[in-house]
Amino acid sequence: MPTLWLGARAAVFYVGVLTLGAFLVFRVGAPPVDVPGVLAKLLPVQCVAVALCVFFALRSGGWRNVGFGRIDLTGLIWFLPAWWVLAALFGEVFLDGSAPALKDLGAATWTFLLLAPLLVAFGEEVMFRGVLLRGALAELPVAPALLLSTVGFAALHFVNGISGQAAAGTVQQVGFALVVGFALAPLAIRIGSLWPLILWHWLWNVAIFASQIAGLIHPFVFIGMSIQAAVSIWLWIALIRGDIKP
C-alpha cells in the first residue's frame, strides 16, 4: 500500500530527475532554440521520469493502489468544464486555420509533439494524483492530502525556470499549475481512475505545445480552468465532509 513517506520520497525523486534533466538540457552545452527541439531533448528525461513512476507505483502495491481503479462514469460529469476548455483550445489551434505553421511540421516533429506530452501527462498524474495523493490519503485527513497533491504539482513547475525563461513567466506557470492541481486532485478520487485525467492532460499538453509552435495566445484558458477549479470546490467539500469516500 502507498504511504505518505513513500509518496513524498517519490515526488522528491521525480522533481529531482526533471531538475537535473532540465539543467543538462538548458545549462550544459547549446540549449534547444524552438519547441520541437525542447521536446526532442527532454524526451529521454521524461522516459527516466516515467520509469521512476512505474517503480514507485509497483512499490505501492500495484496500479490499483495508486489510482487506477474502475472509472465511475457519473464522476466524469464533474470533469466536463475542463474538457470544454480543451475543446475550445483544440478548435482554435487545429481547426480554424489560424496556425499555418503546424501544416509544415514533419513526421519527426509530430512524433515528438505527441509522445513527449504523453510521457509528461502520464508521469505527472501518476506521481502527484496517484502515488503522492494516495499515500497522503492513507495517513492524513482528506483536506491536507489534497492540498499536498495540489502544492506539490504546482511546485514542480518551478523547474521550468531552469530553461532560462523570465521569473515572471515561471511564477505565472506555477500559479496556473496550482489552479489545475486544485481542480484535478479531487477529480482523481471522484472518478476512481487516473486514465481520464491522463488523457485530458496529454491532449492539453499537445494543444499548448502546438500553440507555442504556432505563436498563438489563448487568454480564455486561465478563465476556463478557473471555472473547473470552482466546480471542484464542491468535490473538496464533499470529500472533506465524507459524502464521497476516497
Protein backbone atom coordinates (compact mmCIF):
# COMPACT_ATOMS: atom_id res chain seq x y z
CA MET A 1 0.00 0.00 0.00
CA PRO A 2 1.20 3.56 -0.62
CA THR A 3 2.33 5.57 2.38
CA LEU A 4 2.92 9.25 2.95
CA TRP A 5 6.66 8.71 3.26
CA LEU A 6 6.79 6.69 0.05
CA GLY A 7 4.70 9.27 -1.81
CA ALA A 8 6.78 12.22 -0.58
CA ARG A 9 10.04 10.44 -1.38
CA ALA A 10 8.76 9.51 -4.84
CA ALA A 11 7.75 13.11 -5.57
CA VAL A 12 11.15 14.42 -4.47
CA PHE A 13 12.95 11.93 -6.71
CA TYR A 14 10.64 12.79 -9.61
CA VAL A 15 11.28 16.52 -9.27
CA GLY A 16 14.99 15.81 -8.87
CA VAL A 17 15.14 13.84 -12.12
CA LEU A 18 13.36 16.61 -14.03
CA THR A 19 15.52 19.30 -12.42
CA LEU A 20 18.74 17.51 -13.32
CA GLY A 21 17.46 16.80 -16.82
CA ALA A 22 16.46 20.42 -17.39
CA PHE A 23 19.85 21.58 -16.13
CA LEU A 24 21.69 19.27 -18.52
CA VAL A 25 19.50 20.27 -21.48
CA PHE A 26 19.38 24.03 -20.94
CA ARG A 27 22.54 24.86 -18.98
CA VAL A 28 25.14 22.45 -20.36
CA GLY A 29 26.10 22.89 -23.99
CA ALA A 30 23.88 24.56 -26.56
CA PRO A 31 20.24 24.70 -25.43
CA PRO A 32 17.43 23.99 -27.92
CA VAL A 33 16.04 27.11 -29.58
CA ASP A 34 12.50 26.01 -30.51
CA VAL A 35 9.64 23.93 -29.14
CA PRO A 36 10.35 20.79 -31.25
CA GLY A 37 13.98 20.94 -30.15
CA VAL A 38 12.97 21.22 -26.49
CA LEU A 39 10.60 18.23 -26.80
CA ALA A 40 13.26 16.12 -28.51
CA LYS A 41 15.95 16.98 -25.95
CA LEU A 42 13.67 16.36 -22.97
CA LEU A 43 12.28 13.06 -24.27
CA PRO A 44 14.99 10.89 -22.62
CA VAL A 45 14.49 12.79 -19.35
CA GLN A 46 10.77 12.08 -19.45
CA CYS A 47 11.45 8.40 -20.13
CA VAL A 48 13.54 8.21 -16.96
CA ALA A 49 10.84 10.07 -15.02
CA VAL A 50 8.15 7.65 -16.22
CA ALA A 51 10.33 4.67 -15.28
CA LEU A 52 10.60 6.19 -11.81
CA CYS A 53 6.81 6.44 -11.64
CA VAL A 54 6.45 2.79 -12.59
CA PHE A 55 8.95 1.80 -9.90
CA PHE A 56 7.13 3.68 -7.14
CA ALA A 57 3.71 2.53 -8.33
CA LEU A 58 4.88 -1.08 -8.01
CA ARG A 59 6.43 -0.29 -4.61
CA SER A 60 2.99 0.99 -3.58
CA GLY A 61 1.45 -2.41 -4.22
CA GLY A 62 0.38 -2.06 -7.83
CA TRP A 63 -1.51 0.24 -10.15
CA ARG A 64 -4.89 -0.04 -8.44
CA ASN A 65 -3.38 1.22 -5.19
CA VAL A 66 -2.19 4.43 -6.86
CA GLY A 67 -5.47 5.34 -8.51
CA PHE A 68 -6.09 3.03 -11.47
CA GLY A 69 -9.42 1.65 -10.35
CA ARG A 70 -12.71 1.32 -12.19
CA ILE A 71 -13.91 4.54 -13.82
CA ASP A 72 -17.03 5.99 -12.21
CA LEU A 73 -18.88 7.30 -15.26
CA THR A 74 -21.07 9.62 -13.21
CA GLY A 75 -17.93 11.22 -11.80
CA LEU A 76 -16.93 12.29 -15.30
CA ILE A 77 -19.70 14.89 -15.21
CA TRP A 78 -17.57 16.91 -12.79
CA PHE A 79 -14.78 16.91 -15.39
CA LEU A 80 -16.83 18.47 -18.20
CA PRO A 81 -15.65 22.10 -17.77
CA ALA A 82 -12.00 21.10 -18.32
CA TRP A 83 -12.95 19.17 -21.45
CA TRP A 84 -14.91 22.18 -22.73
CA VAL A 85 -11.81 24.35 -22.32
CA LEU A 86 -9.72 21.72 -24.09
CA ALA A 87 -12.19 21.52 -26.97
CA ALA A 88 -12.10 25.30 -27.37
CA LEU A 89 -8.31 25.26 -27.33
CA PHE A 90 -8.13 22.45 -29.91
CA GLY A 91 -10.60 24.25 -32.13
CA GLU A 92 -8.56 27.43 -32.17
CA VAL A 93 -5.19 25.70 -32.65
CA PHE A 94 -6.04 22.95 -35.11
CA LEU A 95 -9.38 23.65 -36.77
CA ASP A 96 -9.82 27.32 -37.59
CA GLY A 97 -6.81 27.64 -39.92
CA SER A 98 -5.07 30.31 -37.85
CA ALA A 99 -1.95 28.20 -37.31
CA PRO A 100 -0.40 27.57 -40.76
CA ALA A 101 2.98 26.81 -39.16
CA LEU A 102 1.59 23.48 -37.97
CA LYS A 103 0.96 22.35 -41.55
CA ASP A 104 4.69 22.42 -42.29
CA LEU A 105 5.73 20.15 -39.42
CA GLY A 106 7.47 16.94 -40.41
CA ALA A 107 6.75 13.43 -39.18
CA ALA A 108 9.59 13.54 -36.63
CA THR A 109 8.28 16.76 -35.11
CA TRP A 110 4.75 15.37 -34.86
CA THR A 111 6.16 12.28 -33.16
CA PHE A 112 7.85 14.42 -30.52
CA LEU A 113 4.75 16.62 -30.24
CA LEU A 114 2.59 13.60 -29.44
CA LEU A 115 4.97 11.37 -27.49
CA ALA A 116 6.69 13.84 -25.15
CA PRO A 117 3.40 15.34 -23.85
CA LEU A 118 2.06 11.81 -23.28
CA LEU A 119 5.05 10.95 -21.08
CA VAL A 120 4.67 14.24 -19.20
CA ALA A 121 0.96 13.65 -18.62
CA PHE A 122 1.40 10.05 -17.51
CA GLY A 123 4.30 10.87 -15.18
CA GLU A 124 2.72 13.89 -13.52
CA GLU A 125 -0.67 12.25 -13.00
CA VAL A 126 0.77 9.01 -11.63
CA MET A 127 3.16 10.86 -9.35
CA PHE A 128 1.03 13.70 -7.97
CA ARG A 129 -2.57 12.47 -8.33
CA GLY A 130 -1.52 8.87 -7.82
CA VAL A 131 1.45 7.90 -5.66
CA LEU A 132 1.65 11.13 -3.62
CA LEU A 133 -2.11 11.68 -3.23
CA ARG A 134 -2.92 8.08 -2.36
CA GLY A 135 0.00 7.87 0.02
CA ALA A 136 -1.13 11.06 1.75
CA LEU A 137 -4.74 9.83 1.98
CA ALA A 138 -3.51 6.71 3.76
CA GLU A 139 -2.19 8.74 6.69
CA LEU A 140 -3.66 12.25 6.55
CA PRO A 141 -7.15 13.75 6.57
CA VAL A 142 -8.59 14.43 3.13
CA ALA A 143 -8.01 18.19 3.06
CA PRO A 144 -4.24 18.09 3.82
CA ALA A 145 -3.81 15.18 1.39
CA LEU A 146 -5.50 17.10 -1.43
CA LEU A 147 -3.52 20.21 -0.54
CA LEU A 148 -0.23 18.31 -0.60
CA SER A 149 -1.00 16.94 -4.06
CA THR A 150 -2.00 20.40 -5.29
CA VAL A 151 1.02 22.24 -3.93
CA GLY A 152 3.44 19.51 -4.98
CA PHE A 153 2.16 19.61 -8.56
CA ALA A 154 2.44 23.41 -8.66
CA ALA A 155 5.93 23.45 -7.14
CA LEU A 156 7.12 21.03 -9.82
CA HIS A 157 6.68 23.78 -12.40
CA PHE A 158 9.42 25.90 -10.81
CA VAL A 159 11.70 23.54 -12.76
CA ASN A 160 10.66 25.44 -15.88
CA GLY A 161 12.71 28.38 -14.64
CA ILE A 162 15.89 26.43 -15.45
CA SER A 163 15.09 26.83 -19.16
CA GLY A 164 16.02 30.49 -18.95
CA GLN A 165 12.55 31.99 -19.10
CA ALA A 166 11.80 35.13 -17.12
CA ALA A 167 10.94 34.76 -13.44
CA ALA A 168 7.52 36.30 -14.06
CA GLY A 169 6.76 33.62 -16.65
CA THR A 170 7.76 30.85 -14.27
CA VAL A 171 5.63 32.28 -11.46
CA GLN A 172 2.70 32.51 -13.87
CA GLN A 173 3.13 28.85 -14.83
CA VAL A 174 3.30 27.83 -11.18
CA GLY A 175 0.14 29.80 -10.44
CA PHE A 176 -1.71 28.18 -13.32
CA ALA A 177 -0.48 24.74 -12.23
CA LEU A 178 -1.84 25.50 -8.76
CA VAL A 179 -5.29 26.09 -10.26
CA VAL A 180 -5.06 22.91 -12.35
CA GLY A 181 -3.82 20.87 -9.39
CA PHE A 182 -6.64 22.19 -7.20
CA ALA A 183 -9.14 21.18 -9.89
CA LEU A 184 -7.75 17.73 -10.68
CA ALA A 185 -6.87 16.37 -7.23
CA PRO A 186 -10.48 15.70 -6.10
CA LEU A 187 -11.42 14.51 -9.59
CA ALA A 188 -8.79 11.76 -9.33
CA ILE A 189 -10.70 10.46 -6.32
CA ARG A 190 -14.25 11.08 -7.56
CA ILE A 191 -13.69 9.46 -10.97
CA GLY A 192 -11.85 6.50 -9.45
CA SER A 193 -9.23 6.21 -12.18
CA LEU A 194 -6.35 8.30 -13.44
CA TRP A 195 -6.89 7.35 -17.08
CA PRO A 196 -9.37 10.17 -17.90
CA LEU A 197 -7.01 12.67 -16.26
CA ILE A 198 -4.01 11.31 -18.18
CA LEU A 199 -5.93 11.52 -21.46
CA TRP A 200 -7.04 15.10 -20.80
CA HIS A 201 -3.58 16.12 -19.58
CA TRP A 202 -1.93 14.61 -22.68
CA LEU A 203 -4.25 16.37 -25.14
CA TRP A 204 -3.91 19.58 -23.16
CA ASN A 205 -0.11 19.45 -23.41
CA VAL A 206 -0.29 18.71 -27.15
CA ALA A 207 -2.51 21.74 -27.69
CA ILE A 208 -0.31 24.01 -25.56
CA PHE A 209 2.92 22.99 -27.28
CA ALA A 210 1.26 23.27 -30.70
CA SER A 211 0.01 26.75 -29.86
CA GLN A 212 3.55 27.74 -28.86
CA ILE A 213 4.85 26.49 -32.21
CA ALA A 214 2.11 28.45 -33.99
CA GLY A 215 2.66 31.57 -31.88
CA LEU A 216 -0.93 31.66 -30.59
CA ILE A 217 -2.03 33.10 -27.24
CA HIS A 218 -5.23 31.94 -25.55
CA PRO A 219 -6.48 34.33 -22.83
CA PHE A 220 -9.56 32.17 -22.17
CA VAL A 221 -7.52 29.21 -20.92
CA PHE A 222 -6.94 30.51 -17.38
CA ILE A 223 -10.57 31.61 -17.08
CA GLY A 224 -11.79 28.23 -18.28
CA MET A 225 -9.63 26.25 -15.86
CA SER A 226 -10.69 28.60 -13.06
CA ILE A 227 -14.28 27.53 -13.79
CA GLN A 228 -13.20 23.87 -13.45
CA ALA A 229 -11.48 24.74 -10.17
CA ALA A 230 -14.66 26.43 -8.94
CA VAL A 231 -16.67 23.31 -9.80
CA SER A 232 -14.10 21.19 -7.98
CA ILE A 233 -14.66 23.20 -4.79
CA TRP A 234 -17.87 21.19 -4.35
CA LEU A 235 -15.86 17.99 -4.60
CA TRP A 236 -13.39 19.26 -1.99
CA ILE A 237 -16.32 19.96 0.35
CA ALA A 238 -17.96 16.59 -0.30
CA LEU A 239 -14.70 14.73 0.31
CA ILE A 240 -13.93 16.66 3.48
CA ARG A 241 -17.43 16.04 4.83
CA GLY A 242 -17.15 12.35 3.98
CA ASP A 243 -20.01 12.38 1.45
CA ILE A 244 -17.53 10.87 -1.04
CA LYS A 245 -15.17 8.20 0.23
CA PRO A 246 -11.55 8.14 -1.07
